[in-house]
């Protein structure tokens, strides 16, 4: 969880995890875990599922917030995997 939180925190600007809505924070954590652990599921699928959860249980603004963070993390992880 520390690695996941570190990744999320590194891709947010002026947002501490403690300031995020609980739903948003936990959706991000779950999606980042999937991006790290499940290499077979495309990142876009993971993000789309996270957005659906955020829209249903949080707000539309939350979906945009979650999308921006997850897309940034996905791109960085893809770049890291290419260089390995």
PDB file of N, CA and C in Angstrom:
ATOM      1  N   UNK A   1       0.822  -1.187   0.000  1.00  0.00           N
ATOM      2  CA  UNK A   1       0.000   0.000   0.000  1.00  0.00           C
ATOM      3  C   UNK A   1       0.873   1.260   0.000  1.00  0.00           C
ATOM      4  N   UNK A   2       2.033   1.199   0.626  1.00  0.00           N
ATOM      5  CA  UNK A   2       2.917   2.367   0.630  1.00  0.00           C
ATOM      6  C   UNK A   2       3.364   2.729  -0.786  1.00  0.00           C
ATOM      7  N   UNK A   3       3.681   1.707  -1.579  1.00  0.00           N
ATOM      8  CA  UNK A   3       4.100   1.966  -2.960  1.00  0.00           C
ATOM      9  C   UNK A   3       2.952   2.567  -3.768  1.00  0.00           C
ATOM     10  N   UNK A   4       1.765   2.058  -3.574  1.00  0.00           N
ATOM     11  CA  UNK A   4       0.585   2.562  -4.280  1.00  0.00           C
ATOM     12  C   UNK A   4       0.323   4.017  -3.890  1.00  0.00           C
ATOM     13  N   UNK A   5       0.334   4.299  -2.601  1.00  0.00           N
ATOM     14  CA  UNK A   5       0.109   5.666  -2.140  1.00  0.00           C
ATOM     15  C   UNK A   5       1.199   6.608  -2.639  1.00  0.00           C
ATOM     16  N   UNK A   6       2.441   6.125  -2.685  1.00  0.00           N
ATOM     17  CA  UNK A   6       3.548   6.931  -3.187  1.00  0.00           C
ATOM     18  C   UNK A   6       3.328   7.277  -4.664  1.00  0.00           C
ATOM     19  N   UNK A   7       2.886   6.292  -5.439  1.00  0.00           N
ATOM     20  CA  UNK A   7       2.599   6.541  -6.858  1.00  0.00           C
ATOM     21  C   UNK A   7       1.480   7.565  -7.029  1.00  0.00           C
ATOM     22  N   UNK A   8       0.416   7.384  -6.288  1.00  0.00           N
ATOM     23  CA  UNK A   8      -0.709   8.313  -6.384  1.00  0.00           C
ATOM     24  C   UNK A   8      -0.260   9.716  -5.992  1.00  0.00           C
ATOM     25  N   UNK A   9       0.421   9.823  -4.858  1.00  0.00           N
ATOM     26  CA  UNK A   9       0.865  11.127  -4.378  1.00  0.00           C
ATOM     27  C   UNK A   9       1.810  11.798  -5.367  1.00  0.00           C
ATOM     28  N   UNK A  10       2.632  11.007  -6.032  1.00  0.00           N
ATOM     29  CA  UNK A  10       3.560  11.551  -7.016  1.00  0.00           C
ATOM     30  C   UNK A  10       2.891  12.077  -8.275  1.00  0.00           C
ATOM     31  N   UNK A  11       1.646  11.709  -8.493  1.00  0.00           N
ATOM     32  CA  UNK A  11       0.927  12.147  -9.693  1.00  0.00           C
ATOM     33  C   UNK A  11      -0.214  13.106  -9.398  1.00  0.00           C
ATOM     34  N   UNK A  12      -0.287  13.571  -8.180  1.00  0.00           N
ATOM     35  CA  UNK A  12      -1.301  14.569  -7.839  1.00  0.00           C
ATOM     36  C   UNK A  12      -0.600  15.890  -7.568  1.00  0.00           C
ATOM     37  N   UNK A  13      -1.254  16.942  -7.914  1.00  0.00           N
ATOM     38  CA  UNK A  13      -0.689  18.264  -7.671  1.00  0.00           C
ATOM     39  C   UNK A  13      -1.548  18.950  -6.615  1.00  0.00           C
ATOM     40  N   UNK A  14      -0.907  19.320  -5.541  1.00  0.00           N
ATOM     41  CA  UNK A  14      -1.569  20.038  -4.450  1.00  0.00           C
ATOM     42  C   UNK A  14      -2.702  19.252  -3.810  1.00  0.00           C
ATOM     43  N   UNK A  15      -2.615  17.926  -3.862  1.00  0.00           N
ATOM     44  CA  UNK A  15      -3.622  17.077  -3.208  1.00  0.00           C
ATOM     45  C   UNK A  15      -2.919  16.048  -2.354  1.00  0.00           C
ATOM     46  N   UNK A  16      -3.170  16.079  -1.079  1.00  0.00           N
ATOM     47  CA  UNK A  16      -2.696  15.014  -0.203  1.00  0.00           C
ATOM     48  C   UNK A  16      -3.756  13.922  -0.185  1.00  0.00           C
ATOM     49  N   UNK A  17      -3.336  12.705   0.037  1.00  0.00           N
ATOM     50  CA  UNK A  17      -4.290  11.597   0.082  1.00  0.00           C
ATOM     51  C   UNK A  17      -5.366  11.842   1.136  1.00  0.00           C
ATOM     52  N   UNK A  18      -4.972  12.423   2.239  1.00  0.00           N
ATOM     53  CA  UNK A  18      -5.941  12.663   3.318  1.00  0.00           C
ATOM     54  C   UNK A  18      -7.002  13.685   2.937  1.00  0.00           C
ATOM     55  N   UNK A  19      -6.742  14.519   1.941  1.00  0.00           N
ATOM     56  CA  UNK A  19      -7.717  15.516   1.490  1.00  0.00           C
ATOM     57  C   UNK A  19      -8.704  14.956   0.475  1.00  0.00           C
ATOM     58  N   UNK A  20      -8.363  13.834  -0.134  1.00  0.00           N
ATOM     59  CA  UNK A  20      -9.228  13.249  -1.166  1.00  0.00           C
ATOM     60  C   UNK A  20     -10.456  12.618  -0.525  1.00  0.00           C
ATOM     61  N   UNK A  21     -11.525  12.616  -1.282  1.00  0.00           N
ATOM     62  CA  UNK A  21     -12.718  11.898  -0.827  1.00  0.00           C
ATOM     63  C   UNK A  21     -12.350  10.425  -0.676  1.00  0.00           C
ATOM     64  N   UNK A  22     -12.905   9.775   0.324  1.00  0.00           N
ATOM     65  CA  UNK A  22     -12.571   8.379   0.611  1.00  0.00           C
ATOM     66  C   UNK A  22     -12.829   7.480  -0.594  1.00  0.00           C
ATOM     67  N   UNK A  23     -13.928   7.708  -1.294  1.00  0.00           N
ATOM     68  CA  UNK A  23     -14.241   6.888  -2.465  1.00  0.00           C
ATOM     69  C   UNK A  23     -13.161   7.074  -3.532  1.00  0.00           C
ATOM     70  N   UNK A  24     -12.804   8.310  -3.804  1.00  0.00           N
ATOM     71  CA  UNK A  24     -11.798   8.589  -4.827  1.00  0.00           C
ATOM     72  C   UNK A  24     -10.457   7.960  -4.455  1.00  0.00           C
ATOM     73  N   UNK A  25     -10.053   8.138  -3.226  1.00  0.00           N
ATOM     74  CA  UNK A  25      -8.779   7.600  -2.750  1.00  0.00           C
ATOM     75  C   UNK A  25      -8.737   6.078  -2.898  1.00  0.00           C
ATOM     76  N   UNK A  26      -9.808   5.423  -2.527  1.00  0.00           N
ATOM     77  CA  UNK A  26      -9.823   3.964  -2.595  1.00  0.00           C
ATOM     78  C   UNK A  26     -10.001   3.437  -4.008  1.00  0.00           C
ATOM     79  N   UNK A  27     -10.723   4.143  -4.842  1.00  0.00           N
ATOM     80  CA  UNK A  27     -10.805   3.771  -6.263  1.00  0.00           C
ATOM     81  C   UNK A  27      -9.418   3.881  -6.889  1.00  0.00           C
ATOM     82  N   UNK A  28      -8.715   4.949  -6.576  1.00  0.00           N
ATOM     83  CA  UNK A  28      -7.350   5.113  -7.088  1.00  0.00           C
ATOM     84  C   UNK A  28      -6.447   3.987  -6.610  1.00  0.00           C
ATOM     85  N   UNK A  29      -6.525   3.668  -5.345  1.00  0.00           N
ATOM     86  CA  UNK A  29      -5.680   2.597  -4.801  1.00  0.00           C
ATOM     87  C   UNK A  29      -5.951   1.264  -5.496  1.00  0.00           C
ATOM     88  N   UNK A  30      -7.208   0.941  -5.665  1.00  0.00           N
ATOM     89  CA  UNK A  30      -7.562  -0.319  -6.301  1.00  0.00           C
ATOM     90  C   UNK A  30      -7.083  -0.354  -7.752  1.00  0.00           C
ATOM     91  N   UNK A  31      -7.316   0.718  -8.474  1.00  0.00           N
ATOM     92  CA  UNK A  31      -6.910   0.761  -9.880  1.00  0.00           C
ATOM     93  C   UNK A  31      -5.393   0.702 -10.030  1.00  0.00           C
ATOM     94  N   UNK A  32      -4.669   1.417  -9.178  1.00  0.00           N
ATOM     95  CA  UNK A  32      -3.205   1.380  -9.252  1.00  0.00           C
ATOM     96  C   UNK A  32      -2.707  -0.021  -8.939  1.00  0.00           C
ATOM     97  N   UNK A  33      -3.307  -0.673  -7.972  1.00  0.00           N
ATOM     98  CA  UNK A  33      -2.932  -2.068  -7.686  1.00  0.00           C
ATOM     99  C   UNK A  33      -3.113  -2.923  -8.936  1.00  0.00           C
ATOM    100  N   UNK A  34      -4.247  -2.757  -9.609  1.00  0.00           N
ATOM    101  CA  UNK A  34      -4.490  -3.542 -10.828  1.00  0.00           C
ATOM    102  C   UNK A  34      -3.473  -3.212 -11.910  1.00  0.00           C
ATOM    103  N   UNK A  35      -3.137  -1.939 -12.065  1.00  0.00           N
ATOM    104  CA  UNK A  35      -2.148  -1.554 -13.069  1.00  0.00           C
ATOM    105  C   UNK A  35      -0.786  -2.174 -12.768  1.00  0.00           C
ATOM    106  N   UNK A  36      -0.455  -2.301 -11.499  1.00  0.00           N
ATOM    107  CA  UNK A  36       0.832  -2.880 -11.101  1.00  0.00           C
ATOM    108  C   UNK A  36       0.845  -4.407 -11.180  1.00  0.00           C
ATOM    109  N   UNK A  37      -0.244  -5.035 -10.762  1.00  0.00           N
ATOM    110  CA  UNK A  37      -0.243  -6.488 -10.575  1.00  0.00           C
ATOM    111  C   UNK A  37      -0.787  -7.283 -11.758  1.00  0.00           C
ATOM    112  N   UNK A  38      -1.713  -6.713 -12.495  1.00  0.00           N
ATOM    113  CA  UNK A  38      -2.375  -7.451 -13.574  1.00  0.00           C
ATOM    114  C   UNK A  38      -1.900  -6.925 -14.921  1.00  0.00           C
ATOM    115  N   UNK A  39      -0.873  -7.537 -15.456  1.00  0.00           N
ATOM    116  CA  UNK A  39      -0.300  -7.065 -16.713  1.00  0.00           C
ATOM    117  C   UNK A  39      -1.100  -7.496 -17.933  1.00  0.00           C
ATOM    118  N   UNK A  40      -2.062  -8.386 -17.755  1.00  0.00           N
ATOM    119  CA  UNK A  40      -2.849  -8.865 -18.893  1.00  0.00           C
ATOM    120  C   UNK A  40      -4.033  -7.959 -19.212  1.00  0.00           C
ATOM    121  N   UNK A  41      -4.595  -7.303 -18.216  1.00  0.00           N
ATOM    122  CA  UNK A  41      -5.721  -6.411 -18.449  1.00  0.00           C
ATOM    123  C   UNK A  41      -5.184  -5.072 -18.933  1.00  0.00           C
ATOM    124  N   UNK A  42      -5.656  -4.603 -20.083  1.00  0.00           N
ATOM    125  CA  UNK A  42      -5.178  -3.310 -20.597  1.00  0.00           C
ATOM    126  C   UNK A  42      -5.453  -2.183 -19.601  1.00  0.00           C
ATOM    127  N   UNK A  43      -4.517  -1.261 -19.510  1.00  0.00           N
ATOM    128  CA  UNK A  43      -4.660  -0.130 -18.601  1.00  0.00           C
ATOM    129  C   UNK A  43      -5.910   0.681 -18.844  1.00  0.00           C
ATOM    130  N   UNK A  44      -6.302   0.804 -20.104  1.00  0.00           N
ATOM    131  CA  UNK A  44      -7.511   1.579 -20.411  1.00  0.00           C
ATOM    132  C   UNK A  44      -8.753   0.918 -19.830  1.00  0.00           C
ATOM    133  N   UNK A  45      -8.771  -0.398 -19.779  1.00  0.00           N
ATOM    134  CA  UNK A  45      -9.904  -1.120 -19.187  1.00  0.00           C
ATOM    135  C   UNK A  45      -9.943  -0.872 -17.681  1.00  0.00           C
ATOM    136  N   UNK A  46      -8.785  -0.941 -17.042  1.00  0.00           N
ATOM    137  CA  UNK A  46      -8.705  -0.678 -15.602  1.00  0.00           C
ATOM    138  C   UNK A  46      -9.207   0.732 -15.312  1.00  0.00           C
ATOM    139  N   UNK A  47      -8.759   1.689 -16.096  1.00  0.00           N
ATOM    140  CA  UNK A  47      -9.169   3.081 -15.879  1.00  0.00           C
ATOM    141  C   UNK A  47     -10.661   3.254 -16.114  1.00  0.00           C
ATOM    142  N   UNK A  48     -11.193   2.671 -17.173  1.00  0.00           N
ATOM    143  CA  UNK A  48     -12.626   2.800 -17.452  1.00  0.00           C
ATOM    144  C   UNK A  48     -13.478   2.234 -16.324  1.00  0.00           C
ATOM    145  N   UNK A  49     -13.067   1.110 -15.779  1.00  0.00           N
ATOM    146  CA  UNK A  49     -13.810   0.525 -14.657  1.00  0.00           C
ATOM    147  C   UNK A  49     -13.737   1.432 -13.430  1.00  0.00           C
ATOM    148  N   UNK A  50     -12.572   2.005 -13.179  1.00  0.00           N
ATOM    149  CA  UNK A  50     -12.419   2.923 -12.047  1.00  0.00           C
ATOM    150  C   UNK A  50     -13.301   4.151 -12.228  1.00  0.00           C
ATOM    151  N   UNK A  51     -13.386   4.643 -13.452  1.00  0.00           N
ATOM    152  CA  UNK A  51     -14.223   5.811 -13.722  1.00  0.00           C
ATOM    153  C   UNK A  51     -15.698   5.510 -13.501  1.00  0.00           C
ATOM    154  N   UNK A  52     -16.132   4.338 -13.897  1.00  0.00           N
ATOM    155  CA  UNK A  52     -17.523   3.950 -13.671  1.00  0.00           C
ATOM    156  C   UNK A  52     -17.848   3.899 -12.182  1.00  0.00           C
ATOM    157  N   UNK A  53     -16.934   3.368 -11.399  1.00  0.00           N
ATOM    158  CA  UNK A  53     -17.146   3.320  -9.949  1.00  0.00           C
ATOM    159  C   UNK A  53     -17.175   4.730  -9.375  1.00  0.00           C
ATOM    160  N   UNK A  54     -16.234   5.577  -9.804  1.00  0.00           N
ATOM    161  CA  UNK A  54     -16.188   6.955  -9.308  1.00  0.00           C
ATOM    162  C   UNK A  54     -17.465   7.705  -9.666  1.00  0.00           C
ATOM    163  N   UNK A  55     -17.958   7.531 -10.897  1.00  0.00           N
ATOM    164  CA  UNK A  55     -19.197   8.208 -11.305  1.00  0.00           C
ATOM    165  C   UNK A  55     -20.390   7.735 -10.489  1.00  0.00           C
ATOM    166  N   UNK A  56     -20.428   6.449 -10.211  1.00  0.00           N
ATOM    167  CA  UNK A  56     -21.573   5.890  -9.503  1.00  0.00           C
ATOM    168  C   UNK A  56     -21.570   6.251  -8.015  1.00  0.00           C
ATOM    169  N   UNK A  57     -20.402   6.213  -7.395  1.00  0.00           N
ATOM    170  CA  UNK A  57     -20.344   6.375  -5.946  1.00  0.00           C
ATOM    171  C   UNK A  57     -19.767   7.708  -5.490  1.00  0.00           C
ATOM    172  N   UNK A  58     -19.307   8.529  -6.421  1.00  0.00           N
ATOM    173  CA  UNK A  58     -18.781   9.837  -6.061  1.00  0.00           C
ATOM    174  C   UNK A  58     -19.439  10.861  -6.980  1.00  0.00           C
ATOM    175  N   UNK A  59     -18.670  11.721  -7.621  1.00  0.00           N
ATOM    176  CA  UNK A  59     -19.245  12.754  -8.484  1.00  0.00           C
ATOM    177  C   UNK A  59     -18.615  12.698  -9.865  1.00  0.00           C
ATOM    178  N   UNK A  60     -19.218  13.401 -10.826  1.00  0.00           N
ATOM    179  CA  UNK A  60     -18.634  13.468 -12.167  1.00  0.00           C
ATOM    180  C   UNK A  60     -17.273  14.156 -12.131  1.00  0.00           C
ATOM    181  N   UNK A  61     -17.118  15.148 -11.259  1.00  0.00           N
ATOM    182  CA  UNK A  61     -15.820  15.806 -11.112  1.00  0.00           C
ATOM    183  C   UNK A  61     -14.777  14.820 -10.599  1.00  0.00           C
ATOM    184  N   UNK A  62     -15.209  13.911  -9.751  1.00  0.00           N
ATOM    185  CA  UNK A  62     -14.296  12.898  -9.238  1.00  0.00           C
ATOM    186  C   UNK A  62     -13.798  12.012 -10.366  1.00  0.00           C
ATOM    187  N   UNK A  63     -14.671  11.697 -11.297  1.00  0.00           N
ATOM    188  CA  UNK A  63     -14.271  10.856 -12.422  1.00  0.00           C
ATOM    189  C   UNK A  63     -13.164  11.533 -13.225  1.00  0.00           C
ATOM    190  N   UNK A  64     -13.267  12.822 -13.440  1.00  0.00           N
ATOM    191  CA  UNK A  64     -12.224  13.541 -14.173  1.00  0.00           C
ATOM    192  C   UNK A  64     -10.916  13.553 -13.385  1.00  0.00           C
ATOM    193  N   UNK A  65     -11.018  13.747 -12.095  1.00  0.00           N
ATOM    194  CA  UNK A  65      -9.857  13.757 -11.210  1.00  0.00           C
ATOM    195  C   UNK A  65      -9.167  12.393 -11.238  1.00  0.00           C
ATOM    196  N   UNK A  66      -9.932  11.338 -11.053  1.00  0.00           N
ATOM    197  CA  UNK A  66      -9.414   9.968 -11.054  1.00  0.00           C
ATOM    198  C   UNK A  66      -8.794   9.643 -12.414  1.00  0.00           C
ATOM    199  N   UNK A  67      -9.456  10.032 -13.484  1.00  0.00           N
ATOM    200  CA  UNK A  67      -8.960   9.760 -14.825  1.00  0.00           C
ATOM    201  C   UNK A  67      -7.591  10.390 -15.052  1.00  0.00           C
ATOM    202  N   UNK A  68      -7.434  11.636 -14.667  1.00  0.00           N
ATOM    203  CA  UNK A  68      -6.159  12.321 -14.873  1.00  0.00           C
ATOM    204  C   UNK A  68      -5.015  11.650 -14.138  1.00  0.00           C
ATOM    205  N   UNK A  69      -5.264  11.274 -12.907  1.00  0.00           N
ATOM    206  CA  UNK A  69      -4.218  10.639 -12.103  1.00  0.00           C
ATOM    207  C   UNK A  69      -3.882   9.255 -12.648  1.00  0.00           C
ATOM    208  N   UNK A  70      -4.906   8.454 -12.923  1.00  0.00           N
ATOM    209  CA  UNK A  70      -4.661   7.090 -13.402  1.00  0.00           C
ATOM    210  C   UNK A  70      -3.996   7.080 -14.768  1.00  0.00           C
ATOM    211  N   UNK A  71      -4.385   7.981 -15.645  1.00  0.00           N
ATOM    212  CA  UNK A  71      -3.777   8.031 -16.970  1.00  0.00           C
ATOM    213  C   UNK A  71      -2.288   8.366 -16.858  1.00  0.00           C
ATOM    214  N   UNK A  72      -1.964   9.300 -15.979  1.00  0.00           N
ATOM    215  CA  UNK A  72      -0.567   9.665 -15.763  1.00  0.00           C
ATOM    216  C   UNK A  72       0.231   8.488 -15.204  1.00  0.00           C
ATOM    217  N   UNK A  73      -0.328   7.797 -14.241  1.00  0.00           N
ATOM    218  CA  UNK A  73       0.348   6.636 -13.655  1.00  0.00           C
ATOM    219  C   UNK A  73       0.513   5.532 -14.689  1.00  0.00           C
ATOM    220  N   UNK A  74      -0.538   5.262 -15.458  1.00  0.00           N
ATOM    221  CA  UNK A  74      -0.477   4.222 -16.500  1.00  0.00           C
ATOM    222  C   UNK A  74       0.635   4.530 -17.500  1.00  0.00           C
ATOM    223  N   UNK A  75       0.722   5.768 -17.938  1.00  0.00           N
ATOM    224  CA  UNK A  75       1.749   6.152 -18.905  1.00  0.00           C
ATOM    225  C   UNK A  75       3.148   5.982 -18.331  1.00  0.00           C
ATOM    226  N   UNK A  76       3.345   6.373 -17.083  1.00  0.00           N
ATOM    227  CA  UNK A  76       4.654   6.198 -16.452  1.00  0.00           C
ATOM    228  C   UNK A  76       5.020   4.723 -16.304  1.00  0.00           C
ATOM    229  N   UNK A  77       4.063   3.902 -15.901  1.00  0.00           N
ATOM    230  CA  UNK A  77       4.329   2.469 -15.751  1.00  0.00           C
ATOM    231  C   UNK A  77       4.668   1.832 -17.098  1.00  0.00           C
ATOM    232  N   UNK A  78       3.956   2.229 -18.145  1.00  0.00           N
ATOM    233  CA  UNK A  78       4.255   1.705 -19.483  1.00  0.00           C
ATOM    234  C   UNK A  78       5.652   2.094 -19.912  1.00  0.00           C
ATOM    235  N   UNK A  79       6.030   3.326 -19.638  1.00  0.00           N
ATOM    236  CA  UNK A  79       7.360   3.796 -19.996  1.00  0.00           C
ATOM    237  C   UNK A  79       8.436   3.023 -19.233  1.00  0.00           C
ATOM    238  N   UNK A  80       8.204   2.794 -17.940  1.00  0.00           N
ATOM    239  CA  UNK A  80       9.155   2.030 -17.134  1.00  0.00           C
ATOM    240  C   UNK A  80       9.306   0.613 -17.668  1.00  0.00           C
ATOM    241  N   UNK A  81       8.208  -0.010 -18.055  1.00  0.00           N
ATOM    242  CA  UNK A  81       8.254  -1.393 -18.550  1.00  0.00           C
ATOM    243  C   UNK A  81       8.962  -1.485 -19.884  1.00  0.00           C
ATOM    244  N   UNK A  82       8.846  -0.443 -20.698  1.00  0.00           N
ATOM    245  CA  UNK A  82       9.539  -0.449 -21.990  1.00  0.00           C
ATOM    246  C   UNK A  82      11.047  -0.359 -21.811  1.00  0.00           C
ATOM    247  N   UNK A  83      11.487   0.377 -20.794  1.00  0.00           N
ATOM    248  CA  UNK A  83      12.913   0.568 -20.591  1.00  0.00           C
ATOM    249  C   UNK A  83      13.568  -0.590 -19.857  1.00  0.00           C
ATOM    250  N   UNK A  84      12.777  -1.467 -19.276  1.00  0.00           N
ATOM    251  CA  UNK A  84      13.343  -2.611 -18.550  1.00  0.00           C
ATOM    252  C   UNK A  84      13.751  -3.727 -19.476  1.00  0.00           C
TER     253      UNK A  84
END
